[in-house]
């Protein structure tokens, strides 16, 4: 079947099929790390665009101008949902979720060669994010196949004369990746090392200074006790209290989902009597940045 790109540069159905397959392969492993609704939304958008390509139609956003407003609303609602879940849009968890969601929207509006390339490069970025969570051999094999699929998508999009069959394009993509192995080995041996692997990011970009996040799993306190980072500094307006009194109250986690404690589901009374006892201490706290909403 001839699948030449249209005169306006819109990718053909076969190229969109390879791109859709590659994006799906790199997104699905994240179902274990990010909310299911994000992965489901991204995959649904990919399938929607693929269905339009198979019916020889352009991007749904282009064919239905009013759909732009709907997609804008969904994009804003999705970003708000990510912020509501993670309380931030940066960091490993939230950043990966946002990238997955944006990849789905990008492929839906793909109608030119430039859009096709941007969606493909988003796929490469999502491949890297999978190694933030695991570096197993199975993950490496799946991501290697995903890279070959995305390269095949680029080859298919640029094969205007349709001189190769799909199997030949896939083999060519694998050959190109194999030719890059020597360069990879040279970079691996000669490139300056950094302190720790790239995927050794904290669960949140702002966590680790105080060591306290908005959830707490069993065993995490023992890991925090090993941290020598400064949480906050205190200046007392008088003599220092006894060491037994050098404790500050932090967030209270009253909800347990069987795996971790969090503040979700807790209710604070509108008014609560405050009873003072013991000798008061006056002090000033300088808190390190935490990106959280509580004080100690």
Protein backbone atom coordinates (compact mmCIF):
# COMPACT_ATOMS: atom_id res chain seq x y z
CA UNK A 1 0.00 0.00 0.00
CA UNK A 2 1.38 3.37 -0.99
CA UNK A 3 1.58 5.70 1.99
CA UNK A 4 3.19 8.87 0.73
CA UNK A 5 3.10 11.99 2.88
CA UNK A 6 0.66 14.58 1.61
CA UNK A 7 1.77 17.69 -0.21
CA UNK A 8 1.35 19.79 2.92
CA UNK A 9 3.79 17.58 4.82
CA UNK A 10 1.19 15.68 6.87
CA UNK A 11 2.67 12.30 7.89
CA UNK A 12 1.12 9.25 6.28
CA UNK A 13 -0.83 6.52 8.03
CA UNK A 14 2.12 4.11 8.21
CA UNK A 15 4.44 6.71 9.72
CA UNK A 16 1.77 7.63 12.27
CA UNK A 17 1.33 3.95 13.06
CA UNK A 18 5.03 3.53 13.90
CA UNK A 19 5.01 6.75 15.94
CA UNK A 20 1.87 5.71 17.82
CA UNK A 21 3.39 2.33 18.59
CA UNK A 22 6.62 3.86 19.85
CA UNK A 23 4.87 6.38 22.11
CA UNK A 24 2.59 3.70 23.51
CA UNK A 25 5.54 1.43 24.28
CA UNK A 26 7.37 4.14 26.22
CA UNK A 27 4.25 5.35 28.06
CA UNK A 28 2.71 2.06 29.22
CA UNK A 29 5.51 1.15 31.71
CA UNK A 30 4.68 4.35 33.61
CA UNK A 31 1.36 2.86 34.67
CA UNK A 32 3.21 1.62 37.78
CA UNK A 33 4.56 5.05 38.68
CA UNK A 34 2.02 7.72 37.76
CA UNK A 35 -1.79 7.88 38.11
CA UNK A 36 -3.66 5.51 35.82
CA UNK A 37 -5.89 8.26 34.43
CA UNK A 38 -2.87 10.07 32.96
CA UNK A 39 -1.63 6.99 31.10
CA UNK A 40 -5.17 6.17 29.96
CA UNK A 41 -5.73 9.70 28.66
CA UNK A 42 -2.43 9.76 26.76
CA UNK A 43 -3.01 6.35 25.15
CA UNK A 44 -6.58 7.31 24.23
CA UNK A 45 -5.34 10.45 22.47
CA UNK A 46 -2.74 8.42 20.60
CA UNK A 47 -5.34 5.90 19.44
CA UNK A 48 -7.68 8.71 18.42
CA UNK A 49 -5.02 10.23 16.18
CA UNK A 50 -4.04 6.83 14.78
CA UNK A 51 -7.67 6.09 13.92
CA UNK A 52 -7.90 9.34 11.98
CA UNK A 53 -4.74 8.49 10.05
CA UNK A 54 -6.04 5.05 9.11
CA UNK A 55 -9.21 6.70 7.76
CA UNK A 56 -7.02 9.07 5.72
CA UNK A 57 -8.06 12.06 7.75
CA UNK A 58 -5.91 14.89 9.09
CA UNK A 59 -5.55 15.87 12.73
CA UNK A 60 -8.93 16.06 14.51
CA UNK A 61 -7.89 19.46 15.88
CA UNK A 62 -7.43 20.74 12.32
CA UNK A 63 -10.68 19.29 10.98
CA UNK A 64 -12.77 20.53 13.89
CA UNK A 65 -11.72 24.07 14.84
CA UNK A 66 -14.12 24.10 17.78
CA UNK A 67 -12.29 21.06 19.14
CA UNK A 68 -9.34 23.30 19.97
CA UNK A 69 -11.29 24.80 22.84
CA UNK A 70 -12.23 21.37 24.13
CA UNK A 71 -8.62 20.16 23.94
CA UNK A 72 -7.41 23.32 25.64
CA UNK A 73 -9.88 22.70 28.45
CA UNK A 74 -8.77 19.06 28.77
CA UNK A 75 -5.10 20.11 28.78
CA UNK A 76 -5.69 22.69 31.51
CA UNK A 77 -7.81 20.23 33.51
CA UNK A 78 -5.13 17.56 33.14
CA UNK A 79 -2.39 19.92 34.34
CA UNK A 80 -4.59 20.95 37.26
CA UNK A 81 -5.16 17.28 38.08
CA UNK A 82 -1.42 16.62 38.11
CA UNK A 83 -0.85 19.64 40.35
CA UNK A 84 -3.63 18.49 42.67
CA UNK A 85 -2.10 15.03 42.93
CA UNK A 86 1.55 16.03 43.36
CA UNK A 87 1.10 19.62 44.67
CA UNK A 88 3.70 20.71 42.10
CA UNK A 89 4.46 20.56 38.38
CA UNK A 90 8.22 20.00 38.76
CA UNK A 91 10.27 17.15 40.08
CA UNK A 92 10.57 13.57 38.93
CA UNK A 93 7.03 12.34 39.54
CA UNK A 94 5.06 15.39 38.45
CA UNK A 95 7.40 16.21 35.56
CA UNK A 96 7.12 12.69 34.14
CA UNK A 97 3.32 12.71 34.44
CA UNK A 98 3.12 16.08 32.69
CA UNK A 99 5.44 14.91 29.91
CA UNK A 100 3.33 11.80 29.29
CA UNK A 101 0.14 13.86 29.10
CA UNK A 102 1.69 16.42 26.74
CA UNK A 103 2.93 13.65 24.43
CA UNK A 104 -0.67 12.51 23.95
CA UNK A 105 -1.85 16.01 23.11
CA UNK A 106 1.08 16.61 20.77
CA UNK A 107 0.46 13.55 18.63
CA UNK A 108 -3.25 14.41 18.44
CA UNK A 109 -2.49 17.76 16.82
CA UNK A 110 0.25 16.37 14.55
CA UNK A 111 -0.43 17.59 11.03
CA UNK A 112 3.00 18.55 9.68
CA UNK A 113 6.53 17.23 9.58
CA UNK A 114 7.56 19.56 12.39
CA UNK A 115 4.82 18.23 14.66
CA UNK A 116 5.86 14.70 13.78
CA UNK A 117 9.47 15.34 14.80
CA UNK A 118 8.47 17.04 18.06
CA UNK A 119 6.22 14.11 19.01
CA UNK A 120 9.04 11.68 18.21
CA UNK A 121 11.54 13.56 20.35
CA UNK A 122 9.02 13.63 23.19
CA UNK A 123 9.03 9.86 22.91
CA UNK A 124 12.80 9.80 23.35
CA UNK A 125 12.50 11.91 26.50
CA UNK A 126 9.82 9.60 27.92
CA UNK A 127 12.11 6.63 27.25
CA UNK A 128 14.74 8.23 29.50
CA UNK A 129 12.20 8.82 32.28
CA UNK A 130 11.57 5.07 32.53
CA UNK A 131 15.10 4.67 33.86
CA UNK A 132 14.33 7.05 36.72
CA UNK A 133 12.43 4.22 38.37
CA UNK A 134 14.19 1.02 37.32
CA UNK A 135 17.33 -0.03 35.48
CA UNK A 136 16.43 -3.69 35.01
CA UNK A 137 17.43 -5.70 31.96
CA UNK A 138 13.77 -6.07 30.96
CA UNK A 139 13.30 -2.30 30.98
CA UNK A 140 16.45 -1.81 28.92
CA UNK A 141 15.28 -4.34 26.30
CA UNK A 142 11.80 -2.79 26.04
CA UNK A 143 13.20 0.71 25.73
CA UNK A 144 15.74 -0.46 23.14
CA UNK A 145 12.92 -1.87 21.03
CA UNK A 146 11.01 1.39 21.53
CA UNK A 147 13.97 3.39 20.23
CA UNK A 148 14.09 1.19 17.12
CA UNK A 149 10.35 1.72 16.57
CA UNK A 150 10.69 5.50 16.83
CA UNK A 151 13.64 5.49 14.42
CA UNK A 152 11.52 3.40 12.06
CA UNK A 153 8.83 6.06 12.28
CA UNK A 154 11.33 8.72 11.20
CA UNK A 155 12.57 6.56 8.34
CA UNK A 156 9.02 5.88 7.17
CA UNK A 157 8.12 9.55 7.28
CA UNK A 158 11.14 10.50 5.18
CA UNK A 159 10.86 7.60 2.72
CA UNK A 160 8.80 9.62 0.26
CA UNK A 161 9.28 7.17 -2.57
CA UNK A 162 8.23 4.20 -0.44
CA UNK A 163 11.31 2.34 -1.65
CA UNK A 164 11.45 0.03 1.39
CA UNK A 165 9.00 -2.35 2.96
CA UNK A 166 8.11 -2.02 6.68
CA UNK A 167 10.39 -4.93 7.61
CA UNK A 168 13.26 -3.32 5.72
CA UNK A 169 12.71 -0.01 7.50
CA UNK A 170 12.71 -1.74 10.88
CA UNK A 171 15.92 -3.57 10.00
CA UNK A 172 17.50 -0.32 8.83
CA UNK A 173 16.58 1.34 12.13
CA UNK A 174 18.20 -1.52 14.05
CA UNK A 175 21.32 -1.27 11.87
CA UNK A 176 21.55 2.49 12.51
CA UNK A 177 21.27 1.90 16.25
CA UNK A 178 23.97 -0.78 16.10
CA UNK A 179 26.28 1.62 14.27
CA UNK A 180 25.86 4.08 17.14
CA UNK A 181 27.15 1.55 19.71
CA UNK A 182 30.86 2.43 19.21
CA UNK A 183 30.10 6.11 19.77
CA UNK A 184 28.14 5.18 22.89
CA UNK A 185 31.07 3.17 24.23
CA UNK A 186 33.49 6.04 23.61
CA UNK A 187 31.20 8.48 25.44
CA UNK A 188 30.70 5.98 28.27
CA UNK A 189 34.43 5.58 28.78
CA UNK A 190 35.61 9.16 28.20
CA UNK A 191 32.70 11.36 29.24
CA UNK A 192 33.25 12.97 32.68
CA UNK A 193 31.40 11.20 35.47
CA UNK A 194 28.88 13.02 37.63
CA UNK A 195 28.20 12.29 41.28
CA UNK A 196 25.53 9.63 41.02
CA UNK A 197 23.47 8.40 38.08
CA UNK A 198 21.08 10.65 36.20
CA UNK A 199 18.15 8.66 37.50
CA UNK A 200 19.28 9.16 41.09
CA UNK A 201 16.83 12.03 41.42
CA UNK A 202 14.79 12.45 44.58
CA UNK A 203 11.11 11.61 44.53
CA UNK A 204 10.56 15.35 44.45
CA UNK A 205 13.01 17.99 43.30
CA UNK A 206 12.46 19.90 46.55
CA UNK A 207 12.59 16.94 48.88
CA UNK A 208 15.78 15.96 50.67
CA UNK A 209 16.46 19.30 52.35
CA UNK A 210 14.14 18.56 55.23
CA UNK A 211 13.56 14.94 54.33
CA UNK A 212 9.82 15.29 54.98
CA UNK A 213 7.34 14.94 52.12
CA UNK A 214 3.55 14.87 51.98
CA UNK A 215 3.54 11.07 52.35
CA UNK A 216 5.47 8.67 54.53
CA UNK A 217 6.12 4.99 53.86
CA UNK A 218 7.36 2.42 56.41
CA UNK A 219 11.11 2.53 56.64
CA UNK A 220 11.46 6.06 55.29
CA UNK A 221 12.21 7.56 58.72
CA UNK A 222 15.29 5.35 59.08
CA UNK A 223 16.53 6.73 55.75
CA UNK A 224 15.91 10.30 56.89
CA UNK A 225 17.97 9.78 60.02
CA UNK A 226 20.99 9.14 57.80
CA UNK A 227 20.68 12.54 56.10
CA UNK A 228 23.01 15.30 57.25
CA UNK A 229 21.19 18.05 55.35
CA UNK A 230 20.00 21.10 57.25
CA UNK A 231 16.23 21.15 57.84
CA UNK A 232 16.01 24.52 59.60
CA UNK A 233 17.96 26.79 61.92
CA UNK A 234 16.73 28.03 65.29
CA UNK A 235 17.86 31.07 67.27
CA UNK A 236 16.65 31.12 70.88
CA UNK A 237 15.98 34.34 72.80
CA UNK A 238 17.71 33.01 75.87
CA UNK A 239 19.42 29.85 77.12
CA UNK A 240 19.07 26.67 75.08
CA UNK A 241 16.49 24.17 76.36
CA UNK A 242 17.42 20.65 77.31
CA UNK A 243 18.18 18.30 74.43
CA UNK A 244 15.06 16.29 75.31
CA UNK A 245 12.97 19.37 74.40
CA UNK A 246 14.62 19.99 71.04
CA UNK A 247 11.77 18.50 69.03
CA UNK A 248 9.39 20.30 66.70
CA UNK A 249 5.98 19.23 65.52
CA UNK A 250 5.67 18.60 61.80
CA UNK A 251 2.84 17.41 59.54
CA UNK A 252 0.44 14.87 61.02
CA UNK A 253 -0.49 11.94 58.79
CA UNK A 254 -3.86 10.51 59.75
CA UNK A 255 -4.73 8.43 56.67
CA UNK A 256 -3.25 5.05 55.72
CA UNK A 257 -3.99 3.37 52.38
CA UNK A 258 -2.17 0.18 53.32
CA UNK A 259 1.13 1.29 51.80
CA UNK A 260 1.83 4.83 52.95
CA UNK A 261 0.60 7.46 55.40
CA UNK A 262 -0.68 10.81 54.15
CA UNK A 263 -2.84 13.75 55.17
CA UNK A 264 -5.58 12.84 52.72
CA UNK A 265 -8.90 12.00 54.30
CA UNK A 266 -8.12 13.75 57.57
CA UNK A 267 -10.35 16.43 58.99
CA UNK A 268 -9.22 19.23 61.26
CA UNK A 269 -11.69 20.71 63.75
CA UNK A 270 -12.65 24.30 63.15
CA UNK A 271 -11.75 25.25 66.69
CA UNK A 272 -9.62 23.38 69.18
CA UNK A 273 -8.76 24.43 72.75
CA UNK A 274 -5.12 25.35 73.24
CA UNK A 275 -3.67 24.38 76.60
CA UNK A 276 -0.22 25.63 77.55
CA UNK A 277 1.96 23.84 80.03
CA UNK A 278 5.59 24.04 81.07
CA UNK A 279 8.11 26.77 80.54
CA UNK A 280 7.73 28.71 77.26
CA UNK A 281 10.65 29.22 74.87
CA UNK A 282 10.94 32.12 72.47
CA UNK A 283 12.86 31.47 69.29
CA UNK A 284 13.16 32.33 65.59
CA UNK A 285 13.15 29.63 62.89
CA UNK A 286 14.86 29.96 59.51
CA UNK A 287 13.38 27.17 57.41
CA UNK A 288 15.17 25.72 54.38
CA UNK A 289 13.14 25.62 51.11
CA UNK A 290 10.84 22.58 51.06
CA UNK A 291 8.11 23.47 48.51
CA UNK A 292 5.60 22.39 51.16
CA UNK A 293 2.85 24.23 53.01
CA UNK A 294 3.72 23.54 56.60
CA UNK A 295 6.03 24.93 59.28
CA UNK A 296 7.80 23.06 62.03
